[in-house]
């Protein structure tokens, strides 16, 4: 009976360690994806000189796109002339 009691905490630590390692890998992959997306977005903005990126939209899902004196949210479709 003592053997079971001792193995349970060790198994729990091993499971938590594996989950932590998995989360760290997922976080690293997500950070790489975000960096690629940011670099792509910067490239698009450079290519189209009349486009810029504004602050976050009120919906919280996207940054605002500024083009031809209009701000626009690609997520919620908010649009306003400035």
PDB file of N, CA and C in Angstrom:
ATOM      1  N   UNK A   1       0.812  -1.191   0.000  1.00  0.00           N
ATOM      2  CA  UNK A   1       0.000   0.000   0.000  1.00  0.00           C
ATOM      3  C   UNK A   1       0.859   1.260   0.000  1.00  0.00           C
ATOM      4  N   UNK A   2       1.958   1.231   0.707  1.00  0.00           N
ATOM      5  CA  UNK A   2       2.852   2.383   0.696  1.00  0.00           C
ATOM      6  C   UNK A   2       3.419   2.635  -0.691  1.00  0.00           C
ATOM      7  N   UNK A   3       3.669   1.559  -1.429  1.00  0.00           N
ATOM      8  CA  UNK A   3       4.210   1.725  -2.783  1.00  0.00           C
ATOM      9  C   UNK A   3       3.252   2.546  -3.658  1.00  0.00           C
ATOM     10  N   UNK A   4       1.971   2.266  -3.567  1.00  0.00           N
ATOM     11  CA  UNK A   4       0.983   3.026  -4.341  1.00  0.00           C
ATOM     12  C   UNK A   4       0.955   4.490  -3.925  1.00  0.00           C
ATOM     13  N   UNK A   5       1.005   4.751  -2.652  1.00  0.00           N
ATOM     14  CA  UNK A   5       0.963   6.114  -2.142  1.00  0.00           C
ATOM     15  C   UNK A   5       2.168   6.903  -2.630  1.00  0.00           C
ATOM     16  N   UNK A   6       3.324   6.262  -2.642  1.00  0.00           N
ATOM     17  CA  UNK A   6       4.540   6.955  -3.085  1.00  0.00           C
ATOM     18  C   UNK A   6       4.557   7.180  -4.591  1.00  0.00           C
ATOM     19  N   UNK A   7       4.026   6.245  -5.367  1.00  0.00           N
ATOM     20  CA  UNK A   7       4.092   6.387  -6.822  1.00  0.00           C
ATOM     21  C   UNK A   7       3.103   7.433  -7.344  1.00  0.00           C
ATOM     22  N   UNK A   8       2.021   7.653  -6.652  1.00  0.00           N
ATOM     23  CA  UNK A   8       1.026   8.616  -7.114  1.00  0.00           C
ATOM     24  C   UNK A   8       1.578  10.040  -7.176  1.00  0.00           C
ATOM     25  N   UNK A   9       2.242  10.543  -6.121  1.00  0.00           N
ATOM     26  CA  UNK A   9       2.818  11.894  -6.245  1.00  0.00           C
ATOM     27  C   UNK A   9       3.884  11.983  -7.337  1.00  0.00           C
ATOM     28  N   UNK A  10       4.700  10.933  -7.480  1.00  0.00           N
ATOM     29  CA  UNK A  10       5.731  10.952  -8.524  1.00  0.00           C
ATOM     30  C   UNK A  10       5.082  10.974  -9.904  1.00  0.00           C
ATOM     31  N   UNK A  11       4.037  10.187 -10.082  1.00  0.00           N
ATOM     32  CA  UNK A  11       3.332  10.159 -11.359  1.00  0.00           C
ATOM     33  C   UNK A  11       2.689  11.520 -11.633  1.00  0.00           C
ATOM     34  N   UNK A  12       2.117  12.134 -10.597  1.00  0.00           N
ATOM     35  CA  UNK A  12       1.511  13.456 -10.750  1.00  0.00           C
ATOM     36  C   UNK A  12       2.529  14.504 -11.166  1.00  0.00           C
ATOM     37  N   UNK A  13       3.720  14.441 -10.571  1.00  0.00           N
ATOM     38  CA  UNK A  13       4.789  15.384 -10.955  1.00  0.00           C
ATOM     39  C   UNK A  13       5.204  15.160 -12.399  1.00  0.00           C
ATOM     40  N   UNK A  14       5.274  13.896 -12.802  1.00  0.00           N
ATOM     41  CA  UNK A  14       5.670  13.566 -14.170  1.00  0.00           C
ATOM     42  C   UNK A  14       4.617  14.084 -15.161  1.00  0.00           C
ATOM     43  N   UNK A  15       3.353  13.892 -14.821  1.00  0.00           N
ATOM     44  CA  UNK A  15       2.270  14.376 -15.687  1.00  0.00           C
ATOM     45  C   UNK A  15       2.315  15.897 -15.784  1.00  0.00           C
ATOM     46  N   UNK A  16       2.492  16.578 -14.648  1.00  0.00           N
ATOM     47  CA  UNK A  16       2.575  18.047 -14.661  1.00  0.00           C
ATOM     48  C   UNK A  16       3.794  18.517 -15.435  1.00  0.00           C
ATOM     49  N   UNK A  17       4.898  17.805 -15.294  1.00  0.00           N
ATOM     50  CA  UNK A  17       6.113  18.162 -16.023  1.00  0.00           C
ATOM     51  C   UNK A  17       5.888  18.024 -17.530  1.00  0.00           C
ATOM     52  N   UNK A  18       5.231  16.942 -17.934  1.00  0.00           N
ATOM     53  CA  UNK A  18       4.938  16.747 -19.362  1.00  0.00           C
ATOM     54  C   UNK A  18       3.983  17.818 -19.878  1.00  0.00           C
ATOM     55  N   UNK A  19       2.976  18.160 -19.079  1.00  0.00           N
ATOM     56  CA  UNK A  19       2.031  19.209 -19.484  1.00  0.00           C
ATOM     57  C   UNK A  19       2.728  20.557 -19.590  1.00  0.00           C
ATOM     58  N   UNK A  20       3.619  20.847 -18.645  1.00  0.00           N
ATOM     59  CA  UNK A  20       4.365  22.102 -18.679  1.00  0.00           C
ATOM     60  C   UNK A  20       5.243  22.164 -19.920  1.00  0.00           C
ATOM     61  N   UNK A  21       5.921  21.064 -20.228  1.00  0.00           N
ATOM     62  CA  UNK A  21       6.776  21.022 -21.420  1.00  0.00           C
ATOM     63  C   UNK A  21       5.927  21.238 -22.677  1.00  0.00           C
ATOM     64  N   UNK A  22       4.737  20.621 -22.728  1.00  0.00           N
ATOM     65  CA  UNK A  22       3.836  20.794 -23.862  1.00  0.00           C
ATOM     66  C   UNK A  22       3.385  22.254 -23.988  1.00  0.00           C
ATOM     67  N   UNK A  23       3.027  22.868 -22.861  1.00  0.00           N
ATOM     68  CA  UNK A  23       2.613  24.278 -22.882  1.00  0.00           C
ATOM     69  C   UNK A  23       3.749  25.194 -23.320  1.00  0.00           C
ATOM     70  N   UNK A  24       4.967  24.905 -22.866  1.00  0.00           N
ATOM     71  CA  UNK A  24       6.124  25.713 -23.278  1.00  0.00           C
ATOM     72  C   UNK A  24       6.348  25.600 -24.778  1.00  0.00           C
ATOM     73  N   UNK A  25       6.202  24.386 -25.332  1.00  0.00           N
ATOM     74  CA  UNK A  25       6.349  24.192 -26.777  1.00  0.00           C
ATOM     75  C   UNK A  25       5.263  24.946 -27.541  1.00  0.00           C
ATOM     76  N   UNK A  26       4.031  24.851 -27.060  1.00  0.00           N
ATOM     77  CA  UNK A  26       2.934  25.555 -27.720  1.00  0.00           C
ATOM     78  C   UNK A  26       3.141  27.064 -27.663  1.00  0.00           C
ATOM     79  N   UNK A  27       3.606  27.575 -26.532  1.00  0.00           N
ATOM     80  CA  UNK A  27       3.865  29.010 -26.401  1.00  0.00           C
ATOM     81  C   UNK A  27       4.957  29.449 -27.368  1.00  0.00           C
ATOM     82  N   UNK A  28       6.035  28.674 -27.459  1.00  0.00           N
ATOM     83  CA  UNK A  28       7.126  29.016 -28.377  1.00  0.00           C
ATOM     84  C   UNK A  28       6.626  29.021 -29.822  1.00  0.00           C
ATOM     85  N   UNK A  29       5.810  28.036 -30.191  1.00  0.00           N
ATOM     86  CA  UNK A  29       5.251  27.995 -31.549  1.00  0.00           C
ATOM     87  C   UNK A  29       4.341  29.187 -31.810  1.00  0.00           C
ATOM     88  N   UNK A  30       3.529  29.549 -30.838  1.00  0.00           N
ATOM     89  CA  UNK A  30       2.635  30.699 -30.983  1.00  0.00           C
ATOM     90  C   UNK A  30       3.432  31.991 -31.127  1.00  0.00           C
ATOM     91  N   UNK A  31       4.491  32.134 -30.342  1.00  0.00           N
ATOM     92  CA  UNK A  31       5.338  33.330 -30.455  1.00  0.00           C
ATOM     93  C   UNK A  31       5.957  33.423 -31.838  1.00  0.00           C
ATOM     94  N   UNK A  32       6.397  32.290 -32.403  1.00  0.00           N
ATOM     95  CA  UNK A  32       6.975  32.302 -33.757  1.00  0.00           C
ATOM     96  C   UNK A  32       5.916  32.686 -34.793  1.00  0.00           C
ATOM     97  N   UNK A  33       4.703  32.150 -34.649  1.00  0.00           N
ATOM     98  CA  UNK A  33       3.626  32.490 -35.582  1.00  0.00           C
ATOM     99  C   UNK A  33       3.296  33.975 -35.515  1.00  0.00           C
ATOM    100  N   UNK A  34       3.227  34.535 -34.319  1.00  0.00           N
ATOM    101  CA  UNK A  34       2.932  35.962 -34.162  1.00  0.00           C
ATOM    102  C   UNK A  34       4.028  36.797 -34.803  1.00  0.00           C
ATOM    103  N   UNK A  35       5.272  36.415 -34.608  1.00  0.00           N
ATOM    104  CA  UNK A  35       6.380  37.161 -35.209  1.00  0.00           C
ATOM    105  C   UNK A  35       6.291  37.117 -36.733  1.00  0.00           C
ATOM    106  N   UNK A  36       5.976  35.950 -37.304  1.00  0.00           N
ATOM    107  CA  UNK A  36       5.821  35.853 -38.762  1.00  0.00           C
ATOM    108  C   UNK A  36       4.674  36.726 -39.249  1.00  0.00           C
ATOM    109  N   UNK A  37       3.554  36.700 -38.534  1.00  0.00           N
ATOM    110  CA  UNK A  37       2.412  37.533 -38.923  1.00  0.00           C
ATOM    111  C   UNK A  37       2.746  39.018 -38.843  1.00  0.00           C
ATOM    112  N   UNK A  38       3.457  39.420 -37.789  1.00  0.00           N
ATOM    113  CA  UNK A  38       3.856  40.830 -37.664  1.00  0.00           C
ATOM    114  C   UNK A  38       4.764  41.230 -38.811  1.00  0.00           C
ATOM    115  N   UNK A  39       5.727  40.382 -39.163  1.00  0.00           N
ATOM    116  CA  UNK A  39       6.627  40.692 -40.274  1.00  0.00           C
ATOM    117  C   UNK A  39       5.866  40.768 -41.592  1.00  0.00           C
ATOM    118  N   UNK A  40       4.909  39.872 -41.787  1.00  0.00           N
ATOM    119  CA  UNK A  40       4.089  39.896 -42.999  1.00  0.00           C
ATOM    120  C   UNK A  40       3.264  41.170 -43.067  1.00  0.00           C
ATOM    121  N   UNK A  41       2.652  41.535 -41.956  1.00  0.00           N
ATOM    122  CA  UNK A  41       1.842  42.755 -41.911  1.00  0.00           C
ATOM    123  C   UNK A  41       2.692  43.988 -42.198  1.00  0.00           C
ATOM    124  N   UNK A  42       3.893  44.038 -41.638  1.00  0.00           N
ATOM    125  CA  UNK A  42       4.792  45.165 -41.921  1.00  0.00           C
ATOM    126  C   UNK A  42       5.124  45.228 -43.404  1.00  0.00           C
ATOM    127  N   UNK A  43       5.328  44.076 -44.025  1.00  0.00           N
ATOM    128  CA  UNK A  43       5.615  44.032 -45.457  1.00  0.00           C
ATOM    129  C   UNK A  43       4.443  44.517 -46.290  1.00  0.00           C
ATOM    130  N   UNK A  44       3.242  44.127 -45.922  1.00  0.00           N
ATOM    131  CA  UNK A  44       2.043  44.570 -46.639  1.00  0.00           C
ATOM    132  C   UNK A  44       1.891  46.082 -46.525  1.00  0.00           C
ATOM    133  N   UNK A  45       2.093  46.613 -45.339  1.00  0.00           N
ATOM    134  CA  UNK A  45       1.977  48.062 -45.136  1.00  0.00           C
ATOM    135  C   UNK A  45       3.024  48.799 -45.963  1.00  0.00           C
ATOM    136  N   UNK A  46       4.239  48.253 -46.063  1.00  0.00           N
ATOM    137  CA  UNK A  46       5.284  48.888 -46.885  1.00  0.00           C
ATOM    138  C   UNK A  46       4.903  48.879 -48.365  1.00  0.00           C
ATOM    139  N   UNK A  47       4.315  47.787 -48.832  1.00  0.00           N
ATOM    140  CA  UNK A  47       3.945  47.656 -50.244  1.00  0.00           C
ATOM    141  C   UNK A  47       2.823  48.611 -50.643  1.00  0.00           C
ATOM    142  N   UNK A  48       1.886  48.806 -49.761  1.00  0.00           N
ATOM    143  CA  UNK A  48       0.746  49.667 -50.049  1.00  0.00           C
ATOM    144  C   UNK A  48       0.901  50.938 -49.232  1.00  0.00           C
ATOM    145  N   UNK A  49       1.494  51.930 -49.837  1.00  0.00           N
ATOM    146  CA  UNK A  49       1.880  53.143 -49.121  1.00  0.00           C
ATOM    147  C   UNK A  49       0.703  53.901 -48.529  1.00  0.00           C
ATOM    148  N   UNK A  50      -0.487  53.709 -49.058  1.00  0.00           N
ATOM    149  CA  UNK A  50      -1.638  54.451 -48.550  1.00  0.00           C
ATOM    150  C   UNK A  50      -2.348  53.715 -47.411  1.00  0.00           C
ATOM    151  N   UNK A  51      -1.754  52.667 -46.885  1.00  0.00           N
ATOM    152  CA  UNK A  51      -2.339  51.882 -45.795  1.00  0.00           C
ATOM    153  C   UNK A  51      -1.450  51.995 -44.571  1.00  0.00           C
ATOM    154  N   UNK A  52      -2.082  52.155 -43.412  1.00  0.00           N
ATOM    155  CA  UNK A  52      -1.328  52.096 -42.158  1.00  0.00           C
ATOM    156  C   UNK A  52      -2.167  51.339 -41.134  1.00  0.00           C
ATOM    157  N   UNK A  53      -1.538  50.990 -40.046  1.00  0.00           N
ATOM    158  CA  UNK A  53      -2.191  50.234 -38.985  1.00  0.00           C
ATOM    159  C   UNK A  53      -2.374  51.146 -37.788  1.00  0.00           C
ATOM    160  N   UNK A  54      -3.594  51.197 -37.282  1.00  0.00           N
ATOM    161  CA  UNK A  54      -3.903  52.026 -36.122  1.00  0.00           C
ATOM    162  C   UNK A  54      -3.900  51.210 -34.841  1.00  0.00           C
ATOM    163  N   UNK A  55      -4.522  51.757 -33.835  1.00  0.00           N
ATOM    164  CA  UNK A  55      -4.616  51.088 -32.546  1.00  0.00           C
ATOM    165  C   UNK A  55      -5.660  49.989 -32.566  1.00  0.00           C
ATOM    166  N   UNK A  56      -5.870  49.364 -31.420  1.00  0.00           N
ATOM    167  CA  UNK A  56      -6.843  48.271 -31.355  1.00  0.00           C
ATOM    168  C   UNK A  56      -8.278  48.782 -31.484  1.00  0.00           C
ATOM    169  N   UNK A  57      -9.110  47.972 -32.113  1.00  0.00           N
ATOM    170  CA  UNK A  57     -10.537  48.278 -32.228  1.00  0.00           C
ATOM    171  C   UNK A  57     -11.207  48.031 -30.882  1.00  0.00           C
ATOM    172  N   UNK A  58     -12.358  48.657 -30.689  1.00  0.00           N
ATOM    173  CA  UNK A  58     -13.122  48.451 -29.454  1.00  0.00           C
ATOM    174  C   UNK A  58     -13.544  46.998 -29.277  1.00  0.00           C
ATOM    175  N   UNK A  59     -13.690  46.251 -30.380  1.00  0.00           N
ATOM    176  CA  UNK A  59     -14.099  44.849 -30.281  1.00  0.00           C
ATOM    177  C   UNK A  59     -12.996  43.993 -29.662  1.00  0.00           C
ATOM    178  N   UNK A  60     -11.754  44.510 -29.711  1.00  0.00           N
ATOM    179  CA  UNK A  60     -10.637  43.790 -29.116  1.00  0.00           C
ATOM    180  C   UNK A  60     -10.103  42.644 -29.948  1.00  0.00           C
ATOM    181  N   UNK A  61     -10.632  42.452 -31.148  1.00  0.00           N
ATOM    182  CA  UNK A  61     -10.235  41.317 -31.976  1.00  0.00           C
ATOM    183  C   UNK A  61      -9.213  41.663 -33.050  1.00  0.00           C
ATOM    184  N   UNK A  62      -8.992  42.950 -33.301  1.00  0.00           N
ATOM    185  CA  UNK A  62      -8.115  43.335 -34.397  1.00  0.00           C
ATOM    186  C   UNK A  62      -7.587  44.745 -34.183  1.00  0.00           C
ATOM    187  N   UNK A  63      -6.529  45.062 -34.909  1.00  0.00           N
ATOM    188  CA  UNK A  63      -6.060  46.439 -34.996  1.00  0.00           C
ATOM    189  C   UNK A  63      -6.816  47.110 -36.137  1.00  0.00           C
ATOM    190  N   UNK A  64      -6.952  48.414 -36.056  1.00  0.00           N
ATOM    191  CA  UNK A  64      -7.659  49.160 -37.093  1.00  0.00           C
ATOM    192  C   UNK A  64      -6.753  49.392 -38.297  1.00  0.00           C
ATOM    193  N   UNK A  65      -7.335  49.320 -39.472  1.00  0.00           N
ATOM    194  CA  UNK A  65      -6.638  49.612 -40.723  1.00  0.00           C
ATOM    195  C   UNK A  65      -7.036  51.027 -41.132  1.00  0.00           C
ATOM    196  N   UNK A  66      -6.057  51.839 -41.480  1.00  0.00           N
ATOM    197  CA  UNK A  66      -6.312  53.220 -41.895  1.00  0.00           C
ATOM    198  C   UNK A  66      -5.955  53.321 -43.373  1.00  0.00           C
ATOM    199  N   UNK A  67      -6.952  53.742 -44.182  1.00  0.00           N
ATOM    200  CA  UNK A  67      -6.719  53.863 -45.622  1.00  0.00           C
ATOM    201  C   UNK A  67      -7.686  54.887 -46.195  1.00  0.00           C
ATOM    202  N   UNK A  68      -7.163  55.773 -47.007  1.00  0.00           N
ATOM    203  CA  UNK A  68      -7.985  56.802 -47.666  1.00  0.00           C
ATOM    204  C   UNK A  68      -8.890  57.521 -46.669  1.00  0.00           C
ATOM    205  N   UNK A  69      -8.318  57.965 -45.572  1.00  0.00           N
ATOM    206  CA  UNK A  69      -9.017  58.734 -44.534  1.00  0.00           C
ATOM    207  C   UNK A  69     -10.188  57.974 -43.908  1.00  0.00           C
ATOM    208  N   UNK A  70     -10.097  56.649 -43.905  1.00  0.00           N
ATOM    209  CA  UNK A  70     -11.116  55.808 -43.279  1.00  0.00           C
ATOM    210  C   UNK A  70     -10.423  54.812 -42.357  1.00  0.00           C
ATOM    211  N   UNK A  71     -10.985  54.646 -41.165  1.00  0.00           N
ATOM    212  CA  UNK A  71     -10.486  53.589 -40.287  1.00  0.00           C
ATOM    213  C   UNK A  71     -11.473  52.430 -40.367  1.00  0.00           C
ATOM    214  N   UNK A  72     -10.931  51.217 -40.338  1.00  0.00           N
ATOM    215  CA  UNK A  72     -11.741  50.038 -40.587  1.00  0.00           C
ATOM    216  C   UNK A  72     -11.238  48.876 -39.743  1.00  0.00           C
ATOM    217  N   UNK A  73     -12.171  48.124 -39.163  1.00  0.00           N
ATOM    218  CA  UNK A  73     -11.819  46.917 -38.411  1.00  0.00           C
ATOM    219  C   UNK A  73     -12.184  45.698 -39.254  1.00  0.00           C
ATOM    220  N   UNK A  74     -11.213  44.862 -39.590  1.00  0.00           N
ATOM    221  CA  UNK A  74     -11.522  43.681 -40.397  1.00  0.00           C
ATOM    222  C   UNK A  74     -12.292  42.606 -39.630  1.00  0.00           C
ATOM    223  N   UNK A  75     -12.339  42.703 -38.310  1.00  0.00           N
ATOM    224  CA  UNK A  75     -13.052  41.686 -37.530  1.00  0.00           C
ATOM    225  C   UNK A  75     -14.531  41.998 -37.368  1.00  0.00           C
ATOM    226  N   UNK A  76     -14.841  43.191 -36.849  1.00  0.00           N
ATOM    227  CA  UNK A  76     -16.250  43.533 -36.577  1.00  0.00           C
ATOM    228  C   UNK A  76     -16.856  44.421 -37.662  1.00  0.00           C
ATOM    229  N   UNK A  77     -16.039  44.812 -38.640  1.00  0.00           N
ATOM    230  CA  UNK A  77     -16.483  45.644 -39.773  1.00  0.00           C
ATOM    231  C   UNK A  77     -16.791  47.089 -39.396  1.00  0.00           C
ATOM    232  N   UNK A  78     -16.337  47.525 -38.232  1.00  0.00           N
ATOM    233  CA  UNK A  78     -16.495  48.935 -37.851  1.00  0.00           C
ATOM    234  C   UNK A  78     -15.790  49.787 -38.889  1.00  0.00           C
ATOM    235  N   UNK A  79     -16.407  50.877 -39.282  1.00  0.00           N
ATOM    236  CA  UNK A  79     -15.813  51.773 -40.276  1.00  0.00           C
ATOM    237  C   UNK A  79     -16.191  53.202 -39.923  1.00  0.00           C
ATOM    238  N   UNK A  80     -15.204  54.103 -40.053  1.00  0.00           N
ATOM    239  CA  UNK A  80     -15.470  55.514 -39.779  1.00  0.00           C
ATOM    240  C   UNK A  80     -14.537  56.368 -40.623  1.00  0.00           C
ATOM    241  N   UNK A  81     -15.068  57.417 -41.199  1.00  0.00           N
ATOM    242  CA  UNK A  81     -14.265  58.374 -41.959  1.00  0.00           C
ATOM    243  C   UNK A  81     -13.629  59.348 -40.982  1.00  0.00           C
ATOM    244  N   UNK A  82     -12.354  59.649 -41.226  1.00  0.00           N
ATOM    245  CA  UNK A  82     -11.656  60.597 -40.349  1.00  0.00           C
ATOM    246  C   UNK A  82     -11.289  61.853 -41.109  1.00  0.00           C
TER     247      UNK A  82
END
